[in-house]
Amino acid sequence: MIGLDIGGTKTRGVRFENGQAVADESVGSSNVQNVSRDEAARHLAELFAKIGGGVIAQVYAGAGGIDTDEDAAALAALIAPHVPGAKITVVHDSRLLLAAGGASTGVAVIAGTGSAAWGRNASGEEARAGGWGYLLGDEGSGYWLGREAVRHSLRRMNQGLEPDELTTALLQSCTIDDPNKLIALFHSPDTGRRYWAQRARLVVEAADAGHAPSQALVEQAGRDLAGLAAQALRKLGIKGPVILGSGLGMNVARLQESFRRSLAAEGVTDVRVLEKDPVFGVLQLVAEQG
């Protein structure tokens, strides 16, 4: 079996034999919301070349932006040529996260390039919150933090203030010398969602170094993500567990603390940070299929 975790920045594939991972590789994103169909197809071809062919019984893929049966079918069609005869299942990537957290019910929150919450209760009812994409939402995500770093820098420029620690780091990362140039760069076809999501680390590093505006941004990200979780919990009529995962969620302690505090204020105390990557949730999901 092959498990795929297709995010906004990369595609990770793990080949399992007898329940054990025997190959684990990553390539660029194969999510057609972030790259062209041709680029997605190239990345999938590269990935399957790395993790091997042969007889594959099943492919279980989780990807952002899988909101309809048509979305799932379109991605399955890109995967199918590489695994003739295999059963292909495509779900929203938040399902991988919940399963990887060892839970069959609860709410999973993705905090990576984008953001979303998905959950299920004991009756099998499902609920989503967020996951609208970067043009409509993705609050608390890597892209959101990167964009807010740009907005922070432009506001300081408009106020006649000198570049602060965050602005200086952002300009250096973007190889430009003037905050005013951020406007054209942000709207340039040469940058995009992934480019700005990768600048989230600058906000996290500045926050850890004591930069108060960056601290406020990371803490706001945690509150926004907690808000998504709370919406899904209310729809499902449950109190948890809530599992936080993906790049930011698993690695930024300040964001995790804000997330926990915000949910505690809602009476939600069973909050867990994912300890293993979501792609390993496919084992549980396949077992649940029977």
Protein backbone atom coordinates (compact mmCIF):
# COMPACT_ATOMS: atom_id res chain seq x y z
CA MET A 1 0.00 0.00 0.00
CA ILE A 2 1.08 3.58 -0.61
CA GLY A 3 0.04 6.49 1.57
CA LEU A 4 0.19 10.04 0.21
CA ASP A 5 0.03 13.33 2.11
CA ILE A 6 -0.36 16.12 -0.45
CA GLY A 7 0.09 19.57 1.04
CA GLY A 8 0.49 23.05 -0.34
CA THR A 9 4.28 22.84 -0.39
CA LYS A 10 5.19 19.18 -0.78
CA THR A 11 3.89 15.69 -1.52
CA ARG A 12 5.03 12.92 0.79
CA GLY A 13 4.67 9.28 -0.14
CA VAL A 14 5.23 6.23 2.05
CA ARG A 15 5.23 2.67 0.76
CA PHE A 16 4.00 0.15 3.30
CA GLU A 17 4.59 -3.60 3.15
CA ASN A 18 2.98 -5.75 5.84
CA GLY A 19 2.20 -2.59 7.81
CA GLN A 20 5.82 -1.39 7.82
CA ALA A 21 7.18 1.66 5.99
CA VAL A 22 9.80 0.50 3.49
CA ALA A 23 10.14 3.70 1.43
CA ASP A 24 9.52 7.31 2.39
CA GLU A 25 10.07 10.13 -0.10
CA SER A 26 8.97 13.72 -0.69
CA VAL A 27 8.65 15.86 -3.83
CA GLY A 28 7.00 19.17 -4.68
CA SER A 29 3.28 19.77 -4.24
CA SER A 30 0.83 17.78 -6.33
CA ASN A 31 -2.15 19.80 -5.14
CA VAL A 32 -3.81 21.33 -8.18
CA GLN A 33 -5.02 24.24 -6.04
CA ASN A 34 -1.38 25.27 -5.66
CA VAL A 35 0.32 24.12 -8.85
CA SER A 36 -0.76 23.46 -12.43
CA ARG A 37 -2.13 20.08 -13.39
CA ASP A 38 1.00 19.40 -15.45
CA GLU A 39 3.28 20.24 -12.52
CA ALA A 40 1.20 18.07 -10.20
CA ALA A 41 1.48 15.18 -12.65
CA ARG A 42 5.27 15.62 -12.90
CA HIS A 43 5.67 15.59 -9.14
CA LEU A 44 3.56 12.45 -8.80
CA ALA A 45 5.61 10.72 -11.51
CA GLU A 46 8.80 11.69 -9.68
CA LEU A 47 7.43 10.40 -6.38
CA PHE A 48 6.25 7.05 -7.69
CA ALA A 49 9.61 6.57 -9.42
CA LYS A 50 11.28 7.02 -6.04
CA ILE A 51 9.07 4.77 -3.93
CA GLY A 52 8.92 1.96 -6.45
CA GLY A 53 6.36 0.27 -8.62
CA GLY A 54 5.35 -3.34 -8.76
CA VAL A 55 2.01 -4.59 -7.54
CA ILE A 56 0.23 -1.98 -5.41
CA ALA A 57 -3.05 -3.05 -3.84
CA GLN A 58 -4.14 0.36 -2.60
CA VAL A 59 -3.27 4.05 -2.56
CA TYR A 60 -4.74 6.18 0.22
CA ALA A 61 -4.22 9.89 -0.35
CA GLY A 62 -5.00 12.89 1.80
CA ALA A 63 -4.87 16.33 0.20
CA GLY A 64 -5.89 19.87 0.95
CA GLY A 65 -8.84 21.24 -0.99
CA ILE A 66 -10.69 17.95 -1.38
CA ASP A 67 -14.14 19.40 -0.84
CA THR A 68 -16.26 17.46 -3.33
CA ASP A 69 -16.41 14.04 -4.97
CA GLU A 70 -15.25 15.76 -8.16
CA ASP A 71 -12.11 17.05 -6.39
CA ALA A 72 -11.33 13.53 -5.19
CA ALA A 73 -11.92 12.01 -8.62
CA ALA A 74 -9.64 14.54 -10.31
CA LEU A 75 -6.74 13.72 -8.01
CA ALA A 76 -7.39 9.98 -8.28
CA ALA A 77 -7.16 10.33 -12.06
CA LEU A 78 -3.65 11.79 -11.73
CA ILE A 79 -2.56 8.96 -9.44
CA ALA A 80 -4.13 6.06 -11.39
CA PRO A 81 -1.58 5.77 -14.26
CA HIS A 82 1.18 5.00 -11.73
CA VAL A 83 -0.68 2.18 -9.93
CA PRO A 84 -2.66 0.14 -12.48
CA GLY A 85 -5.37 -1.89 -10.84
CA ALA A 86 -4.92 -0.38 -7.38
CA LYS A 87 -7.82 0.81 -5.25
CA ILE A 88 -7.45 4.59 -4.86
CA THR A 89 -9.03 6.51 -2.00
CA VAL A 90 -8.76 10.30 -1.81
CA VAL A 91 -9.84 12.27 1.27
CA HIS A 92 -9.25 15.70 2.80
CA ASP A 93 -5.84 15.69 4.49
CA SER A 94 -7.29 16.52 7.91
CA ARG A 95 -8.62 12.94 8.03
CA LEU A 96 -5.05 11.65 7.95
CA LEU A 97 -4.19 13.90 10.85
CA LEU A 98 -6.98 12.64 13.11
CA ALA A 99 -6.11 9.03 12.36
CA ALA A 100 -2.39 9.65 12.93
CA GLY A 101 -3.32 11.00 16.35
CA GLY A 102 -4.82 7.62 17.16
CA ALA A 103 -8.38 8.92 17.32
CA SER A 104 -11.43 7.71 15.45
CA THR A 105 -13.57 10.59 16.76
CA GLY A 106 -12.63 14.19 17.55
CA VAL A 107 -11.38 17.18 15.59
CA ALA A 108 -8.14 17.50 13.64
CA VAL A 109 -6.68 20.93 12.94
CA ILE A 110 -4.24 21.51 10.11
CA ALA A 111 -1.77 24.34 10.64
CA GLY A 112 0.58 24.22 7.68
CA THR A 113 0.75 26.16 4.43
CA GLY A 114 -3.03 26.47 4.86
CA SER A 115 -5.41 25.78 7.71
CA ALA A 116 -8.58 23.77 8.27
CA ALA A 117 -10.41 21.71 10.88
CA TRP A 118 -12.27 18.46 10.31
CA GLY A 119 -13.95 16.18 12.79
CA ARG A 120 -16.23 13.22 13.33
CA ASN A 121 -18.37 12.10 16.26
CA ALA A 122 -19.39 8.65 17.45
CA SER A 123 -22.53 8.76 15.29
CA GLY A 124 -20.41 9.16 12.17
CA GLU A 125 -21.44 12.77 11.59
CA GLU A 126 -18.71 14.95 10.09
CA ALA A 127 -18.00 18.68 10.35
CA ARG A 128 -15.58 21.07 8.68
CA ALA A 129 -14.45 24.56 9.57
CA GLY A 130 -12.19 26.76 7.49
CA GLY A 131 -10.20 25.23 4.68
CA TRP A 132 -11.43 27.90 2.29
CA GLY A 133 -8.03 28.56 0.74
CA TYR A 134 -5.70 31.50 1.05
CA LEU A 135 -7.87 34.01 -0.84
CA LEU A 136 -10.83 33.50 1.48
CA GLY A 137 -9.32 32.39 4.76
CA ASP A 138 -6.50 30.12 5.97
CA GLU A 139 -6.21 32.12 9.19
CA GLY A 140 -3.41 30.90 11.43
CA SER A 141 -1.57 29.22 8.55
CA GLY A 142 1.95 29.67 7.25
CA TYR A 143 0.65 31.76 4.39
CA TRP A 144 -1.33 33.94 6.80
CA LEU A 145 1.76 34.60 8.93
CA GLY A 146 3.86 35.40 5.86
CA ARG A 147 1.25 37.81 4.52
CA GLU A 148 0.87 39.47 7.93
CA ALA A 149 4.64 40.02 8.04
CA VAL A 150 4.33 41.92 4.75
CA ARG A 151 1.37 43.94 6.05
CA HIS A 152 3.26 44.77 9.25
CA SER A 153 6.23 46.02 7.24
CA LEU A 154 4.07 48.14 4.93
CA ARG A 155 2.19 49.71 7.83
CA ARG A 156 5.49 50.76 9.40
CA MET A 157 6.58 52.22 6.08
CA ASN A 158 3.35 54.22 5.79
CA GLN A 159 3.87 55.54 9.32
CA GLY A 160 7.37 56.74 8.47
CA LEU A 161 9.02 54.24 10.82
CA GLU A 162 12.34 52.57 10.21
CA PRO A 163 12.34 48.82 9.44
CA ASP A 164 12.23 46.78 12.65
CA GLU A 165 13.60 43.27 13.27
CA LEU A 166 10.82 41.51 11.40
CA THR A 167 10.89 43.86 8.41
CA THR A 168 14.68 43.62 8.16
CA ALA A 169 14.55 39.82 8.20
CA LEU A 170 11.77 39.83 5.60
CA LEU A 171 13.65 42.15 3.24
CA GLN A 172 16.79 40.04 3.52
CA SER A 173 14.84 36.84 2.87
CA CYS A 174 13.21 38.38 -0.21
CA THR A 175 16.53 39.92 -1.38
CA ILE A 176 15.10 43.43 -1.63
CA ASP A 177 16.23 46.64 0.03
CA ASP A 178 13.07 48.69 0.50
CA PRO A 179 9.72 47.81 2.13
CA ASN A 180 7.94 49.58 -0.72
CA LYS A 181 9.18 46.84 -3.07
CA LEU A 182 7.20 44.28 -1.08
CA ILE A 183 4.01 45.45 -2.76
CA ALA A 184 5.09 44.51 -6.28
CA LEU A 185 6.80 41.35 -5.05
CA PHE A 186 3.70 40.17 -3.23
CA HIS A 187 1.57 40.55 -6.36
CA SER A 188 4.23 39.17 -8.69
CA PRO A 189 3.54 35.92 -10.59
CA ASP A 190 7.01 34.82 -9.42
CA THR A 191 5.77 34.49 -5.84
CA GLY A 192 2.69 32.80 -4.51
CA ARG A 193 1.14 30.93 -1.65
CA ARG A 194 4.12 28.68 -1.00
CA TYR A 195 6.64 31.52 -1.23
CA TRP A 196 4.91 33.56 1.45
CA ALA A 197 4.13 30.56 3.63
CA GLN A 198 7.85 29.88 3.75
CA ARG A 199 8.33 33.36 5.32
CA ALA A 200 6.28 32.30 8.36
CA ARG A 201 9.49 31.12 10.00
CA LEU A 202 10.70 34.72 10.08
CA VAL A 203 7.73 35.67 12.26
CA VAL A 204 8.31 32.67 14.54
CA GLU A 205 12.03 33.44 14.88
CA ALA A 206 11.36 37.12 15.61
CA ALA A 207 8.73 36.16 18.19
CA ASP A 208 11.15 33.80 19.93
CA ALA A 209 13.73 36.61 19.96
CA GLY A 210 11.31 38.87 21.86
CA HIS A 211 9.78 40.95 19.04
CA ALA A 212 6.39 41.90 20.47
CA PRO A 213 4.45 42.37 17.18
CA SER A 214 5.64 38.95 15.98
CA GLN A 215 4.63 37.41 19.29
CA ALA A 216 1.18 38.91 18.85
CA LEU A 217 0.90 37.44 15.34
CA VAL A 218 1.86 33.92 16.44
CA GLU A 219 -0.53 34.10 19.37
CA GLN A 220 -3.32 35.33 17.07
CA ALA A 221 -2.61 32.39 14.78
CA GLY A 222 -3.12 30.03 17.71
CA ARG A 223 -6.40 31.71 18.64
CA ASP A 224 -7.68 31.57 15.07
CA LEU A 225 -6.86 27.87 14.77
CA ALA A 226 -8.57 27.21 18.09
CA GLY A 227 -11.61 29.03 16.72
CA LEU A 228 -11.78 26.58 13.81
CA ALA A 229 -11.57 23.64 16.21
CA ALA A 230 -14.28 25.08 18.43
CA GLN A 231 -16.63 25.54 15.46
CA ALA A 232 -16.24 21.91 14.45
CA LEU A 233 -16.66 20.68 18.02
CA ARG A 234 -19.89 22.62 18.44
CA LYS A 235 -21.31 21.21 15.21
CA LEU A 236 -20.50 17.69 16.35
CA GLY A 237 -21.66 18.14 19.93
CA ILE A 238 -18.39 16.83 21.40
CA LYS A 239 -15.65 18.16 23.68
CA GLY A 240 -12.65 16.54 22.01
CA PRO A 241 -10.12 15.30 21.53
CA VAL A 242 -8.59 18.05 19.40
CA ILE A 243 -5.42 17.12 17.54
CA LEU A 244 -3.14 19.83 16.15
CA GLY A 245 -0.79 18.94 13.32
CA SER A 246 1.15 19.93 10.18
CA GLY A 247 4.30 22.03 10.04
CA LEU A 248 3.39 25.00 12.21
CA GLY A 249 1.15 23.02 14.51
CA MET A 250 3.74 20.38 15.30
CA ASN A 251 6.78 22.63 15.62
CA VAL A 252 5.89 26.05 17.04
CA ALA A 253 5.54 25.91 20.81
CA ARG A 254 4.27 29.48 21.15
CA LEU A 255 1.43 28.75 18.72
CA GLN A 256 0.61 25.50 20.54
CA GLU A 257 0.37 27.35 23.86
CA SER A 258 -2.00 29.96 22.42
CA PHE A 259 -4.07 27.18 20.84
CA ARG A 260 -4.39 25.33 24.16
CA ARG A 261 -5.26 28.47 26.14
CA SER A 262 -7.96 29.48 23.69
CA LEU A 263 -9.58 26.04 23.73
CA ALA A 264 -9.34 25.83 27.53
CA ALA A 265 -11.41 29.03 27.66
CA GLU A 266 -14.07 27.09 25.69
CA GLY A 267 -13.93 24.22 28.19
CA VAL A 268 -11.91 21.96 25.88
CA THR A 269 -9.02 20.32 27.71
CA ASP A 270 -8.23 17.20 25.67
CA VAL A 271 -5.85 18.90 23.24
CA ARG A 272 -3.01 16.95 21.68
CA VAL A 273 -0.15 17.87 19.38
CA LEU A 274 0.47 15.27 16.72
CA GLU A 275 3.64 13.28 17.39
CA LYS A 276 3.95 11.48 14.07
CA ASP A 277 3.42 12.72 10.56
CA PRO A 278 -0.15 12.55 9.19
CA VAL A 279 0.74 10.20 6.34
CA PHE A 280 1.07 7.37 8.88
CA GLY A 281 -2.63 7.78 9.65
CA VAL A 282 -3.42 5.86 6.46
CA LEU A 283 -2.80 2.58 8.28
CA GLN A 284 -5.66 3.24 10.67
CA LEU A 285 -7.94 4.57 7.93
CA VAL A 286 -7.43 1.47 5.80
CA ALA A 287 -8.06 -0.74 8.85
CA GLU A 288 -11.31 1.14 9.46
CA GLN A 289 -12.35 0.43 5.88
CA GLY A 290 -12.30 -3.24 6.74
